[in-house]
């Protein structure tokens, strides 16, 4: 069969815009494709919700790929181990209560599990604002990341959602966007220095709804709460993603 360049281009354009049109109205928009964002998307999609995951960068995975200081291994404890194993990601014991996993397998395994669960992933898209109606977040305002990077004056589009999750990591970008427009009473304490044990615990405790319809998970939860970072141990991040999914399930299912 002859290869036709026109057909290749048409296939990509038509399939992408099918996916984009299906994404314009979702149950949940998750912003940030790191570990907590992917885990949240995975569990919500498995439950049957329509989930759109937005990532401003080319690839998903956040800080997983580099492991610790470019040594591509990560550490989890028992709770994180269970989530990884549910997704078919291999872990190895290391001492009492510690487990290691290949960072590349974790990042790629989370990506594959999230997509196969039914999440629509749109990468290279940046959230530049939120939609708020009658005191509740009702969606996100989006543009191509390249437009933002080039500082081009190009109007954005919108994606409607019942709930939005800020899983953008240390920057807590979505929460800060809203705080800049509607004071939410958050102290926005500076993220504390590294303390793995406390950071692991607090990232789960800090996972919550911070404004009607807007939830925070992963390092974004610690960043706005003044809690420590934890370095290349990822169990808390995974558990935070699962917790925010459970909070949203409870909210939407009554």
Protein backbone atom coordinates (compact mmCIF):
# COMPACT_ATOMS: atom_id res chain seq x y z
CA UNK A 1 0.00 0.00 0.00
CA UNK A 2 1.33 3.43 -0.93
CA UNK A 3 1.96 5.91 1.87
CA UNK A 4 0.02 9.13 1.42
CA UNK A 5 1.20 12.16 3.42
CA UNK A 6 -2.19 13.84 3.11
CA UNK A 7 -3.89 10.89 4.82
CA UNK A 8 -1.32 10.89 7.63
CA UNK A 9 -1.92 14.58 8.34
CA UNK A 10 -5.70 14.24 8.07
CA UNK A 11 -5.74 11.27 10.45
CA UNK A 12 -3.81 13.17 13.11
CA UNK A 13 -5.91 16.32 12.79
CA UNK A 14 -9.28 14.55 12.76
CA UNK A 15 -8.46 12.21 15.65
CA UNK A 16 -7.01 15.02 17.76
CA UNK A 17 -9.99 17.28 17.26
CA UNK A 18 -12.35 14.42 18.09
CA UNK A 19 -10.51 14.11 21.40
CA UNK A 20 -10.47 17.87 21.93
CA UNK A 21 -14.21 18.25 21.28
CA UNK A 22 -14.96 15.43 23.69
CA UNK A 23 -12.85 17.22 26.32
CA UNK A 24 -14.64 20.57 26.26
CA UNK A 25 -17.15 19.46 28.89
CA UNK A 26 -15.86 17.15 31.63
CA UNK A 27 -16.77 15.98 35.08
CA UNK A 28 -13.27 16.72 36.38
CA UNK A 29 -10.32 18.64 34.97
CA UNK A 30 -6.99 17.71 36.54
CA UNK A 31 -4.26 20.27 35.96
CA UNK A 32 -0.76 18.82 36.11
CA UNK A 33 0.39 15.41 34.92
CA UNK A 34 2.72 14.52 37.77
CA UNK A 35 2.21 11.50 40.04
CA UNK A 36 -0.68 12.90 42.09
CA UNK A 37 -2.48 14.22 39.00
CA UNK A 38 -2.18 10.93 37.15
CA UNK A 39 -3.25 8.83 40.14
CA UNK A 40 -6.28 11.08 40.72
CA UNK A 41 -7.20 10.83 37.03
CA UNK A 42 -6.76 7.05 37.06
CA UNK A 43 -9.11 6.44 40.00
CA UNK A 44 -11.73 8.93 38.83
CA UNK A 45 -11.74 7.51 35.31
CA UNK A 46 -12.00 3.96 36.63
CA UNK A 47 -15.07 5.08 38.58
CA UNK A 48 -16.69 6.18 35.31
CA UNK A 49 -16.20 9.93 35.52
CA UNK A 50 -15.22 11.92 32.44
CA UNK A 51 -11.73 13.19 33.25
CA UNK A 52 -9.52 15.57 31.28
CA UNK A 53 -5.87 15.82 32.34
CA UNK A 54 -4.04 18.96 31.21
CA UNK A 55 -0.24 19.13 31.15
CA UNK A 56 1.61 22.28 30.10
CA UNK A 57 4.79 20.41 29.20
CA UNK A 58 5.50 17.94 26.42
CA UNK A 59 5.63 14.89 28.69
CA UNK A 60 3.76 13.73 31.77
CA UNK A 61 5.46 12.46 34.89
CA UNK A 62 6.55 15.58 36.72
CA UNK A 63 9.66 14.97 38.79
CA UNK A 64 9.55 11.18 38.58
CA UNK A 65 11.78 10.74 35.53
CA UNK A 66 14.96 11.97 37.19
CA UNK A 67 14.55 10.01 40.43
CA UNK A 68 16.95 11.49 42.97
CA UNK A 69 19.67 13.69 41.48
CA UNK A 70 19.29 11.92 38.10
CA UNK A 71 19.66 8.46 39.68
CA UNK A 72 16.48 7.10 38.15
CA UNK A 73 15.12 5.19 41.13
CA UNK A 74 12.41 6.33 43.55
CA UNK A 75 11.35 5.21 47.02
CA UNK A 76 7.85 4.49 48.32
CA UNK A 77 6.46 2.98 51.49
CA UNK A 78 3.61 0.49 51.88
CA UNK A 79 0.68 2.71 50.81
CA UNK A 80 2.43 3.91 47.67
CA UNK A 81 3.61 0.37 46.91
CA UNK A 82 0.01 -0.84 46.79
CA UNK A 83 -0.99 1.82 44.26
CA UNK A 84 1.98 1.04 42.01
CA UNK A 85 1.32 -2.68 42.15
CA UNK A 86 -2.35 -2.12 41.28
CA UNK A 87 -1.09 -0.53 38.06
CA UNK A 88 1.31 -3.39 37.34
CA UNK A 89 4.42 -1.38 38.26
CA UNK A 90 7.14 -3.48 39.89
CA UNK A 91 8.63 -2.58 43.27
CA UNK A 92 11.49 -4.11 45.27
CA UNK A 93 11.85 -4.19 49.07
CA UNK A 94 14.72 -2.24 50.59
CA UNK A 95 14.99 -2.63 54.32
CA UNK A 96 12.11 -2.44 56.75
CA UNK A 97 9.10 -0.69 55.17
CA UNK A 98 10.94 0.81 52.19
CA UNK A 99 10.49 -0.12 48.55
CA UNK A 100 12.23 1.08 45.41
CA UNK A 101 10.94 1.32 41.86
CA UNK A 102 12.53 2.19 38.55
CA UNK A 103 11.63 5.83 37.90
CA UNK A 104 11.17 5.24 34.17
CA UNK A 105 8.83 2.33 34.77
CA UNK A 106 6.86 4.36 37.30
CA UNK A 107 6.44 7.39 35.05
CA UNK A 108 5.56 5.38 31.95
CA UNK A 109 3.38 2.95 33.92
CA UNK A 110 1.37 5.77 35.47
CA UNK A 111 0.92 7.33 32.01
CA UNK A 112 -0.28 4.09 30.45
CA UNK A 113 -2.63 3.21 33.32
CA UNK A 114 -4.16 6.69 33.33
CA UNK A 115 -4.85 6.70 29.60
CA UNK A 116 -6.17 3.14 29.56
CA UNK A 117 -8.51 3.95 32.45
CA UNK A 118 -10.19 6.43 30.10
CA UNK A 119 -8.61 9.79 30.93
CA UNK A 120 -8.34 12.23 28.03
CA UNK A 121 -4.84 13.72 28.18
CA UNK A 122 -4.09 17.03 26.50
CA UNK A 123 -0.44 18.02 26.77
CA UNK A 124 1.22 21.32 25.80
CA UNK A 125 -1.81 23.18 27.15
CA UNK A 126 -1.59 25.76 29.94
CA UNK A 127 -4.37 26.89 32.27
CA UNK A 128 -4.28 30.69 32.33
CA UNK A 129 -7.46 31.38 34.31
CA UNK A 130 -10.50 29.77 35.92
CA UNK A 131 -14.20 30.00 35.24
CA UNK A 132 -16.16 30.96 38.38
CA UNK A 133 -19.93 31.30 38.54
CA UNK A 134 -21.98 32.07 41.65
CA UNK A 135 -19.04 31.48 43.94
CA UNK A 136 -17.96 28.13 42.49
CA UNK A 137 -15.25 27.03 40.05
CA UNK A 138 -16.95 25.72 36.93
CA UNK A 139 -14.02 25.13 34.59
CA UNK A 140 -10.68 26.29 33.28
CA UNK A 141 -9.45 28.78 30.70
CA UNK A 142 -6.78 27.29 28.46
CA UNK A 143 -4.28 28.20 25.78
CA UNK A 144 -1.39 26.53 24.01
CA UNK A 145 1.74 26.55 26.17
CA UNK A 146 3.68 27.95 23.22
CA UNK A 147 1.35 30.97 23.14
CA UNK A 148 2.09 31.65 26.81
CA UNK A 149 5.84 31.15 26.40
CA UNK A 150 5.94 33.51 23.40
CA UNK A 151 3.74 36.11 25.16
CA UNK A 152 1.42 36.24 22.17
CA UNK A 153 -1.87 38.08 22.42
CA UNK A 154 -4.13 35.15 21.55
CA UNK A 155 -7.49 34.68 23.24
CA UNK A 156 -8.01 31.39 25.08
CA UNK A 157 -10.75 28.76 25.07
CA UNK A 158 -12.56 27.10 27.96
CA UNK A 159 -13.21 23.62 29.34
CA UNK A 160 -16.22 23.19 31.59
CA UNK A 161 -15.98 20.95 34.66
CA UNK A 162 -17.81 20.12 37.87
CA UNK A 163 -14.51 19.99 39.77
CA UNK A 164 -10.94 21.12 39.08
CA UNK A 165 -7.82 19.67 40.70
CA UNK A 166 -4.63 21.69 41.07
CA UNK A 167 -1.84 19.11 40.83
CA UNK A 168 0.76 21.52 39.44
CA UNK A 169 3.43 20.82 42.04
CA UNK A 170 5.51 23.34 43.95
CA UNK A 171 4.07 26.32 42.08
CA UNK A 172 0.40 25.56 42.92
CA UNK A 173 -0.36 27.48 39.73
CA UNK A 174 -4.13 27.10 39.60
CA UNK A 175 -4.77 28.05 43.23
CA UNK A 176 -2.54 31.08 42.84
CA UNK A 177 -4.41 32.14 39.71
CA UNK A 178 -7.67 32.17 41.63
CA UNK A 179 -6.18 33.82 44.70
CA UNK A 180 -5.03 36.64 42.43
CA UNK A 181 -8.65 37.33 41.49
CA UNK A 182 -10.70 36.19 44.47
CA UNK A 183 -9.03 36.30 47.91
CA UNK A 184 -9.65 32.89 49.47
CA UNK A 185 -8.19 33.54 52.88
CA UNK A 186 -5.25 31.20 52.29
CA UNK A 187 -2.08 32.21 54.06
CA UNK A 188 0.11 30.98 51.19
CA UNK A 189 2.89 30.10 53.56
CA UNK A 190 6.22 29.40 51.93
CA UNK A 191 7.00 25.74 51.33
CA UNK A 192 9.16 24.49 54.19
CA UNK A 193 12.61 22.92 53.76
CA UNK A 194 12.94 19.21 53.11
CA UNK A 195 11.75 16.87 55.87
CA UNK A 196 10.73 13.61 54.26
CA UNK A 197 8.72 12.05 57.08
CA UNK A 198 6.65 15.13 57.80
CA UNK A 199 6.31 16.07 54.15
CA UNK A 200 5.01 12.59 53.28
CA UNK A 201 2.38 12.79 55.99
CA UNK A 202 1.34 16.38 55.37
CA UNK A 203 0.93 16.05 51.60
CA UNK A 204 -1.96 13.67 52.27
CA UNK A 205 -3.40 15.70 55.15
CA UNK A 206 -3.25 18.92 53.10
CA UNK A 207 -5.12 17.38 50.15
CA UNK A 208 -8.50 19.10 50.22
CA UNK A 209 -11.03 21.42 48.62
CA UNK A 210 -9.73 24.98 48.97
CA UNK A 211 -12.58 26.78 47.19
CA UNK A 212 -15.93 25.42 46.02
CA UNK A 213 -15.11 23.17 43.08
CA UNK A 214 -11.32 23.57 43.37
CA UNK A 215 -9.23 20.84 44.98
CA UNK A 216 -5.51 20.67 45.61
CA UNK A 217 -3.28 17.59 45.58
CA UNK A 218 0.39 16.60 45.61
CA UNK A 219 3.11 19.16 46.24
CA UNK A 220 0.67 21.94 45.44
CA UNK A 221 -1.12 20.99 48.68
CA UNK A 222 2.08 21.35 50.70
CA UNK A 223 3.19 24.47 48.84
CA UNK A 224 0.13 26.48 49.88
CA UNK A 225 0.20 25.12 53.43
CA UNK A 226 3.79 25.81 54.46
CA UNK A 227 4.58 22.11 54.73
CA UNK A 228 7.94 20.52 53.86
CA UNK A 229 9.04 19.00 50.60
CA UNK A 230 10.13 15.38 50.75
CA UNK A 231 12.61 14.69 47.96
CA UNK A 232 12.58 11.50 45.82
CA UNK A 233 10.11 9.56 47.97
CA UNK A 234 6.76 9.45 46.19
CA UNK A 235 4.32 7.46 48.30
CA UNK A 236 2.65 10.55 49.72
CA UNK A 237 2.19 11.96 46.24
CA UNK A 238 0.46 8.78 45.08
CA UNK A 239 -1.74 8.64 48.19
CA UNK A 240 -2.63 12.31 47.78
CA UNK A 241 -3.85 11.60 44.25
CA UNK A 242 -5.98 8.74 45.52
CA UNK A 243 -7.36 10.85 48.37
CA UNK A 244 -8.41 13.74 46.13
CA UNK A 245 -10.14 11.26 43.82
CA UNK A 246 -12.05 9.87 46.81
CA UNK A 247 -13.03 13.37 47.97
CA UNK A 248 -14.39 14.22 44.52
CA UNK A 249 -16.22 10.89 44.23
CA UNK A 250 -17.93 11.60 47.52
CA UNK A 251 -18.86 15.10 46.40
CA UNK A 252 -20.22 14.15 42.97
CA UNK A 253 -21.89 10.94 43.99
CA UNK A 254 -23.58 12.54 46.99
